[in-house]
Protein backbone atom coordinates (compact mmCIF):
# COMPACT_ATOMS: atom_id res chain seq x y z
CA MET A 1 8.98 -0.80 -17.92
CA ALA A 2 7.57 2.72 -18.02
CA ALA A 3 8.79 5.17 -15.41
CA LEU A 4 5.86 7.09 -14.02
CA ARG A 5 6.14 10.82 -13.58
CA LEU A 6 3.44 12.08 -11.30
CA ALA A 7 3.56 15.70 -12.43
CA SER A 8 0.32 16.79 -14.02
CA PHE A 9 -0.63 19.30 -16.73
CA THR A 10 -4.03 20.93 -16.25
CA LEU A 11 -6.09 22.56 -18.97
CA ARG A 12 -9.03 24.78 -18.08
CA PRO A 13 -11.55 26.53 -20.34
CA ALA A 14 -10.07 29.74 -21.73
CA ALA A 15 -13.18 31.75 -20.87
CA ALA A 16 -12.99 30.85 -17.17
CA ALA A 17 -9.30 31.65 -17.01
CA ALA A 18 -9.81 35.04 -18.68
CA ALA A 19 -12.68 35.97 -16.36
CA SER A 20 -10.58 35.14 -13.32
CA ALA A 21 -7.62 37.19 -14.58
CA SER A 22 -9.72 40.23 -15.50
CA SER A 23 -11.58 40.39 -12.23
CA GLY A 24 -8.35 40.68 -10.24
CA ALA A 25 -10.05 38.87 -7.41
CA THR A 26 -7.90 36.98 -4.94
CA PRO A 27 -9.19 33.54 -3.90
CA ALA A 28 -10.51 33.47 -0.37
CA ALA A 29 -8.20 31.87 2.18
CA PRO A 30 -9.29 28.32 2.97
CA ARG A 31 -11.06 27.73 6.23
CA SER A 32 -9.51 25.29 8.57
CA ALA A 33 -11.05 21.87 8.85
CA SER A 34 -9.97 18.66 10.51
CA PHE A 35 -9.71 15.42 8.57
CA ALA A 36 -9.84 13.58 11.88
CA ARG A 37 -13.32 15.01 12.43
CA ALA A 38 -14.55 13.95 8.99
CA ALA A 39 -12.86 10.55 9.29
CA ARG A 40 -14.69 9.40 12.42
CA GLY A 41 -15.92 5.85 12.06
CA LEU A 42 -13.57 4.88 9.24
CA PRO A 43 -12.62 1.22 9.17
CA SER A 44 -9.30 0.11 10.64
CA LEU A 45 -7.21 -3.04 10.62
CA ARG A 46 -7.90 -3.68 14.28
CA LEU A 47 -10.77 -5.91 13.19
CA ALA A 48 -10.32 -9.66 13.18
CA PRO A 49 -8.78 -10.79 9.83
CA PRO A 50 -11.06 -12.67 7.44
CA ARG A 51 -10.47 -16.37 6.94
CA ARG A 52 -10.70 -16.37 3.15
CA ARG A 53 -8.09 -13.78 2.26
CA GLY A 54 -8.52 -13.87 -1.53
CA ASP A 55 -12.27 -13.33 -1.36
CA LEU A 56 -12.58 -10.71 1.36
CA VAL A 57 -9.38 -8.68 1.84
CA ARG A 58 -9.43 -6.78 -1.48
CA PRO A 59 -13.13 -5.84 -1.30
CA ARG A 60 -12.59 -4.60 2.28
CA ALA A 61 -9.50 -2.66 1.23
CA GLU A 62 -11.38 -1.08 -1.69
CA ALA A 63 -14.30 -0.11 0.57
CA ALA A 64 -11.87 1.37 3.09
CA ALA A 65 -10.07 3.34 0.35
CA ASP A 66 -13.38 4.75 -0.81
CA SER A 67 -14.34 5.74 2.74
CA TYR A 68 -11.05 7.57 3.35
CA ALA A 69 -11.18 9.30 -0.05
CA SER A 70 -14.78 10.44 0.54
CA ALA A 71 -13.97 11.83 3.98
CA LEU A 72 -10.95 13.71 2.67
CA SER A 73 -12.91 15.11 -0.27
CA GLU A 74 -15.56 16.49 2.12
CA VAL A 75 -12.83 18.39 3.99
CA ALA A 76 -11.26 19.62 0.73
CA VAL A 77 -14.62 20.86 -0.57
CA GLU A 78 -15.32 22.60 2.73
CA ASN A 79 -11.90 24.28 2.60
CA GLY A 80 -12.09 25.09 -1.09
CA THR A 81 -8.80 23.23 -1.62
CA LEU A 82 -9.76 20.33 -3.92
CA GLU A 83 -7.06 21.07 -6.46
CA GLN A 84 -4.31 21.57 -3.89
CA THR A 85 -5.41 18.39 -2.14
CA VAL A 86 -5.22 16.23 -5.24
CA SER A 87 -1.75 17.69 -5.86
CA ASP A 88 -0.67 16.78 -2.30
CA LEU A 89 -1.99 13.27 -2.77
CA GLU A 90 0.01 12.80 -5.93
CA LYS A 91 3.13 13.64 -3.94
CA LEU A 92 2.15 11.05 -1.32
CA GLN A 93 1.42 8.48 -4.08
CA LYS A 94 5.00 8.86 -5.25
CA ILE A 95 6.37 8.42 -1.71
CA PHE A 96 4.20 5.40 -0.88
CA ALA A 97 5.04 3.71 -4.20
CA ASP A 98 7.99 2.41 -2.17
CA GLU A 99 6.47 -0.51 -0.29
CA THR A 100 9.00 -0.18 2.54
CA VAL A 101 7.44 3.17 3.49
CA ALA A 102 3.96 1.69 3.92
CA GLU A 103 5.42 -1.32 5.77
CA PHE A 104 7.23 1.03 8.14
CA PHE A 105 4.00 2.92 8.99
CA ASP A 106 1.91 -0.26 9.32
CA ASN A 107 4.46 -2.04 11.53
CA PRO A 108 2.97 -2.15 15.05
CA THR A 109 6.44 -2.62 16.59
CA VAL A 110 7.67 0.79 15.32
CA PRO A 111 7.13 3.43 18.05
CA ARG A 112 4.51 6.06 17.20
CA GLU A 113 7.07 8.81 17.91
CA GLU A 114 9.24 7.57 15.00
CA LYS A 115 6.25 7.52 12.67
CA THR A 116 5.27 11.01 13.74
CA ALA A 117 8.80 12.28 13.09
CA LEU A 118 8.76 10.87 9.53
CA ILE A 119 5.29 12.30 8.85
CA ASP A 120 6.47 15.73 10.02
CA GLU A 121 9.52 15.43 7.77
CA ILE A 122 7.36 14.51 4.74
CA ALA A 123 4.90 17.30 5.49
CA LYS A 124 7.71 19.89 5.69
CA SER A 125 9.62 18.65 2.66
CA TYR A 126 6.56 18.50 0.39
CA GLU A 127 4.72 21.48 1.93
CA LEU A 128 1.55 19.49 2.61
CA GLN A 129 -1.60 21.21 3.80
CA PRO A 130 -2.56 20.71 7.46
CA HIS A 131 -5.68 18.66 6.68
CA VAL A 132 -3.62 16.34 4.47
CA VAL A 133 -1.15 15.83 7.33
CA ASN A 134 -4.14 15.01 9.59
CA PHE A 135 -5.28 12.54 6.93
CA ILE A 136 -1.89 10.77 6.97
CA ASN A 137 -1.97 10.53 10.74
CA VAL A 138 -5.46 8.97 10.74
CA VAL A 139 -4.39 6.47 8.06
CA VAL A 140 -1.27 5.57 10.04
CA ASP A 141 -3.20 5.28 13.34
CA ASN A 142 -5.55 2.81 11.65
CA PHE A 143 -2.68 0.83 10.07
CA ARG A 144 -3.95 1.55 6.55
CA ALA A 145 -0.77 2.92 4.94
CA THR A 146 -0.59 0.02 2.49
CA ILE A 147 -3.83 1.12 0.80
CA LEU A 148 -2.85 4.77 0.40
CA PRO A 149 -2.27 4.36 -3.36
CA GLU A 150 -5.85 3.05 -3.66
CA ILE A 151 -7.09 6.00 -1.61
CA VAL A 152 -5.37 8.40 -4.01
CA VAL A 153 -7.05 6.71 -7.00
CA GLU A 154 -10.48 6.96 -5.34
CA PHE A 155 -9.90 10.59 -4.43
CA GLU A 156 -8.89 11.40 -8.02
CA ASN A 157 -12.12 9.79 -9.24
CA ILE A 158 -14.14 11.97 -6.84
CA PHE A 159 -12.15 15.05 -7.89
CA ASN A 160 -12.72 14.35 -11.58
CA SER A 161 -16.42 13.84 -11.03
CA LEU A 162 -16.85 17.08 -8.99
CA THR A 163 -14.83 19.22 -11.41
CA GLY A 164 -15.76 17.67 -14.78
CA THR A 165 -12.15 16.69 -15.34
CA GLU A 166 -10.82 14.13 -17.82
CA VAL A 167 -7.49 12.56 -16.90
CA ALA A 168 -5.18 11.36 -19.69
CA THR A 169 -1.84 9.60 -19.42
CA VAL A 170 0.75 10.59 -22.04
CA THR A 171 3.55 8.10 -22.57
CA SER A 172 6.62 9.13 -24.58
CA VAL A 173 10.31 8.25 -24.97
CA VAL A 174 11.46 11.69 -23.78
CA GLN A 175 9.64 14.33 -21.78
CA LEU A 176 7.45 16.37 -24.10
CA GLU A 177 7.54 20.17 -24.17
CA SER A 178 4.76 22.11 -22.42
CA GLN A 179 3.36 23.38 -25.73
CA ASP A 180 3.10 19.81 -27.00
CA LEU A 181 1.26 18.78 -23.84
CA ALA A 182 -1.07 21.75 -24.22
CA GLN A 183 -1.99 20.66 -27.73
CA ILE A 184 -2.63 17.08 -26.54
CA ALA A 185 -4.82 18.40 -23.70
CA GLN A 186 -6.83 20.51 -26.16
CA HIS A 187 -7.31 17.52 -28.41
CA VAL A 188 -8.50 15.33 -25.52
CA GLN A 189 -10.83 18.10 -24.34
CA LYS A 190 -12.33 18.39 -27.85
CA MET A 191 -12.83 14.59 -28.13
CA THR A 192 -14.35 14.13 -24.64
CA GLY A 193 -16.16 17.44 -24.12
CA ALA A 194 -14.65 17.66 -20.61
CA LYS A 195 -14.54 20.99 -18.79
CA ASN A 196 -10.96 20.39 -17.68
CA VAL A 197 -8.15 18.05 -18.74
CA ARG A 198 -5.35 16.86 -16.54
CA LEU A 199 -2.36 15.10 -18.17
CA LYS A 200 -0.06 12.70 -16.37
CA THR A 201 3.18 11.89 -18.13
CA GLN A 202 5.36 8.79 -18.12
CA LEU A 203 8.41 7.63 -20.08
CA ASP A 204 8.73 4.37 -22.00
CA PRO A 205 11.81 3.89 -24.24
CA GLU A 206 10.17 0.86 -25.91
CA LEU A 207 7.97 3.22 -27.91
CA ILE A 208 11.12 4.13 -29.95
CA ALA A 209 9.65 7.59 -30.78
CA GLY A 210 6.33 9.40 -30.71
CA PHE A 211 3.78 9.05 -27.92
CA THR A 212 0.57 7.44 -26.76
CA VAL A 213 -2.40 8.95 -24.93
CA GLN A 214 -4.72 6.91 -22.72
CA TYR A 215 -7.92 8.46 -21.40
CA GLY A 216 -11.41 7.53 -20.34
CA ARG A 217 -12.27 5.62 -17.16
CA ASP A 218 -9.54 3.03 -16.49
CA GLY A 219 -7.71 4.25 -19.61
CA SER A 220 -10.11 2.48 -21.92
CA SER A 221 -9.44 4.80 -24.90
CA LEU A 222 -6.04 5.01 -26.63
CA ILE A 223 -4.41 7.31 -29.18
CA ASP A 224 -1.23 5.60 -30.44
CA MET A 225 1.17 7.89 -32.32
CA SER A 226 4.30 5.86 -31.53
CA VAL A 227 6.87 4.60 -34.03
CA ARG A 228 6.52 1.18 -32.49
CA LYS A 229 2.88 1.11 -33.56
CA GLN A 230 3.79 2.22 -37.09
CA ILE A 231 6.43 -0.52 -37.31
CA GLU A 232 3.90 -3.12 -36.14
CA GLU A 233 1.42 -1.97 -38.80
CA ILE A 234 4.05 -2.02 -41.56
CA THR A 235 5.27 -5.45 -40.46
CA SER A 236 1.70 -6.82 -40.52
CA GLU A 237 1.22 -5.59 -44.07
CA PHE A 238 4.19 -7.68 -45.23
CA GLU A 239 3.15 -10.81 -43.44
CA LEU A 240 2.19 -13.43 -45.99
CA PRO A 241 -0.25 -16.24 -45.30
CA ASP A 242 1.15 -19.73 -44.96
CA VAL A 243 1.03 -21.55 -48.28
CA PRO A 244 1.12 -25.37 -48.12
CA LEU A 245 3.86 -26.84 -50.30
CA GLU A 246 3.39 -30.02 -52.24
CA VAL A 247 6.12 -32.55 -51.77
């Protein structure tokens, strides 16, 4: 099974980068904004549970994830911190990939003080922005920690739409060098016409060697440069059709 590495490689247009460097301008400090203010009215789990779990729970969870992501994106846009916020959320996605973490935060028998202490520890260790810490607190108060991975996905979709960014996942046997990733990003940018390209990397020893690149919405497009693929193609060329034998 592939081991996901949540670090990302971002490619921006060379012209924009050069203009920023030559101007010598320092980005304005972000204004403070409260996620709690933007998140008023978000759905919580204090509603009565639906009777038909399979039909209703997932749609409600997806709607809630979209609501939280939209509220957080409004704060990030207001602060001018969209890129830093998506980076913070990728850190949280890695933490909450452990189901026991979400279960701890959604457990109503755990004292709020203990949850607050863990949130403070996470915020300090990962140097999270204040509005992202507020976001975690609102999610925890509403017992929505289990859908945080879905919130991250929805936020990334919003981020990509606002910034004209194409996300591609590069899978390889060993971690690729930065110059290799830069070439892959340039190739994806040329193929998609995106303003920016963000690469996520993951390892999969079953590829034997080489790499694959998935891009497009829901990873619908694939570039397969793996040795495993080449072996499969060679094997298929030598497959002979079944010939009936006369007895």
